């Protein structure tokens, strides 16, 4: 995945982009998000139920283009 040098470079780039004053707030928000995610995962595991996202899709046949014939013409018979 990522090595130590890649993570260090990434952290330096984030520090330059975000700024040193915003880093503590960014880290605090990331920690809160991680705690919420962990709590929700623990709660789902305790419930024993797993809700799968459900979606209903309908497939419609595309209409034929106006310039195309409805049926292909029969091939002409060869005469010898």
C-alpha atoms as a PDB file:
ATOM      1  CA  UNK A   1       0.000   0.000   0.000  1.00  0.00           C
ATOM      2  CA  UNK A   2       1.890   3.094   1.208  1.00  0.00           C
ATOM      3  CA  UNK A   3       5.363   3.173   2.643  1.00  0.00           C
ATOM      4  CA  UNK A   4       6.609   5.471   5.358  1.00  0.00           C
ATOM      5  CA  UNK A   5       8.194   7.896   2.879  1.00  0.00           C
ATOM      6  CA  UNK A   6       4.955   8.267   0.866  1.00  0.00           C
ATOM      7  CA  UNK A   7       2.968   8.991   4.015  1.00  0.00           C
ATOM      8  CA  UNK A   8       5.539  11.579   5.136  1.00  0.00           C
ATOM      9  CA  UNK A   9       5.412  13.316   1.754  1.00  0.00           C
ATOM     10  CA  UNK A  10       1.619  13.276   1.849  1.00  0.00           C
ATOM     11  CA  UNK A  11       1.597  14.844   5.321  1.00  0.00           C
ATOM     12  CA  UNK A  12       3.989  17.580   4.200  1.00  0.00           C
ATOM     13  CA  UNK A  13       1.793  18.371   1.184  1.00  0.00           C
ATOM     14  CA  UNK A  14      -1.324  18.477   3.375  1.00  0.00           C
ATOM     15  CA  UNK A  15       0.449  20.796   5.815  1.00  0.00           C
ATOM     16  CA  UNK A  16       1.396  23.134   2.992  1.00  0.00           C
ATOM     17  CA  UNK A  17      -2.057  23.131   1.425  1.00  0.00           C
ATOM     18  CA  UNK A  18      -4.145  23.347   4.589  1.00  0.00           C
ATOM     19  CA  UNK A  19      -1.801  25.447   6.648  1.00  0.00           C
ATOM     20  CA  UNK A  20      -0.311  24.842  10.055  1.00  0.00           C
ATOM     21  CA  UNK A  21      -3.093  26.693  11.886  1.00  0.00           C
ATOM     22  CA  UNK A  22      -5.839  24.444  10.500  1.00  0.00           C
ATOM     23  CA  UNK A  23      -4.072  21.105  11.098  1.00  0.00           C
ATOM     24  CA  UNK A  24      -5.223  20.603  14.724  1.00  0.00           C
ATOM     25  CA  UNK A  25      -8.832  21.261  13.736  1.00  0.00           C
ATOM     26  CA  UNK A  26      -8.516  18.918  10.769  1.00  0.00           C
ATOM     27  CA  UNK A  27      -7.071  16.161  12.960  1.00  0.00           C
ATOM     28  CA  UNK A  28      -9.785  16.671  15.570  1.00  0.00           C
ATOM     29  CA  UNK A  29     -12.531  16.361  12.929  1.00  0.00           C
ATOM     30  CA  UNK A  30     -10.895  13.249  11.474  1.00  0.00           C
ATOM     31  CA  UNK A  31     -10.797  11.702  14.959  1.00  0.00           C
ATOM     32  CA  UNK A  32     -14.468  12.463  15.527  1.00  0.00           C
ATOM     33  CA  UNK A  33     -15.384  10.925  12.188  1.00  0.00           C
ATOM     34  CA  UNK A  34     -13.351   7.803  12.976  1.00  0.00           C
ATOM     35  CA  UNK A  35     -15.041   7.426  16.376  1.00  0.00           C
ATOM     36  CA  UNK A  36     -18.501   7.785  14.844  1.00  0.00           C
ATOM     37  CA  UNK A  37     -17.696   5.242  12.148  1.00  0.00           C
ATOM     38  CA  UNK A  38     -16.315   2.799  14.703  1.00  0.00           C
ATOM     39  CA  UNK A  39     -19.376   3.203  16.957  1.00  0.00           C
ATOM     40  CA  UNK A  40     -21.775   2.642  14.055  1.00  0.00           C
ATOM     41  CA  UNK A  41     -19.884  -0.471  12.943  1.00  0.00           C
ATOM     42  CA  UNK A  42     -19.921  -1.814  16.505  1.00  0.00           C
ATOM     43  CA  UNK A  43     -23.658  -1.134  16.783  1.00  0.00           C
ATOM     44  CA  UNK A  44     -24.416  -2.910  13.509  1.00  0.00           C
ATOM     45  CA  UNK A  45     -22.352  -5.883  14.630  1.00  0.00           C
ATOM     46  CA  UNK A  46     -24.195  -6.014  17.963  1.00  0.00           C
ATOM     47  CA  UNK A  47     -27.588  -5.903  16.258  1.00  0.00           C
ATOM     48  CA  UNK A  48     -26.702  -8.918  14.170  1.00  0.00           C
ATOM     49  CA  UNK A  49     -28.518  -7.469  11.220  1.00  0.00           C
ATOM     50  CA  UNK A  50     -26.909  -6.166   8.168  1.00  0.00           C
ATOM     51  CA  UNK A  51     -28.869  -3.859   5.983  1.00  0.00           C
ATOM     52  CA  UNK A  52     -27.910  -4.107   2.366  1.00  0.00           C
ATOM     53  CA  UNK A  53     -28.607  -1.078   0.248  1.00  0.00           C
ATOM     54  CA  UNK A  54     -31.484  -1.825  -2.044  1.00  0.00           C
ATOM     55  CA  UNK A  55     -32.132  -0.245  -5.365  1.00  0.00           C
ATOM     56  CA  UNK A  56     -34.706  -0.971  -8.013  1.00  0.00           C
ATOM     57  CA  UNK A  57     -33.642  -0.629 -11.593  1.00  0.00           C
ATOM     58  CA  UNK A  58     -35.824  -0.821 -14.648  1.00  0.00           C
ATOM     59  CA  UNK A  59     -34.308  -1.567 -17.996  1.00  0.00           C
ATOM     60  CA  UNK A  60     -36.070  -0.063 -20.956  1.00  0.00           C
ATOM     61  CA  UNK A  61     -35.408  -1.106 -24.504  1.00  0.00           C
ATOM     62  CA  UNK A  62     -34.004   1.732 -26.525  1.00  0.00           C
ATOM     63  CA  UNK A  63     -36.221   2.785 -29.431  1.00  0.00           C
ATOM     64  CA  UNK A  64     -34.930   2.066 -32.916  1.00  0.00           C
ATOM     65  CA  UNK A  65     -33.513   5.070 -34.769  1.00  0.00           C
ATOM     66  CA  UNK A  66     -35.939   6.698 -37.195  1.00  0.00           C
ATOM     67  CA  UNK A  67     -33.655   6.108 -40.197  1.00  0.00           C
ATOM     68  CA  UNK A  68     -33.243   2.362 -39.576  1.00  0.00           C
ATOM     69  CA  UNK A  69     -35.799  -0.010 -41.108  1.00  0.00           C
ATOM     70  CA  UNK A  70     -37.973  -2.006 -38.727  1.00  0.00           C
ATOM     71  CA  UNK A  71     -36.830  -5.318 -40.217  1.00  0.00           C
ATOM     72  CA  UNK A  72     -33.822  -6.192 -42.278  1.00  0.00           C
ATOM     73  CA  UNK A  73     -34.575  -7.034 -45.926  1.00  0.00           C
ATOM     74  CA  UNK A  74     -34.290 -10.691 -46.907  1.00  0.00           C
ATOM     75  CA  UNK A  75     -31.118 -11.554 -48.825  1.00  0.00           C
ATOM     76  CA  UNK A  76     -31.554 -11.910 -52.563  1.00  0.00           C
ATOM     77  CA  UNK A  77     -31.467 -15.465 -53.895  1.00  0.00           C
ATOM     78  CA  UNK A  78     -28.607 -16.235 -56.253  1.00  0.00           C
ATOM     79  CA  UNK A  79     -29.545 -17.310 -59.774  1.00  0.00           C
ATOM     80  CA  UNK A  80     -27.197 -19.396 -61.923  1.00  0.00           C
END
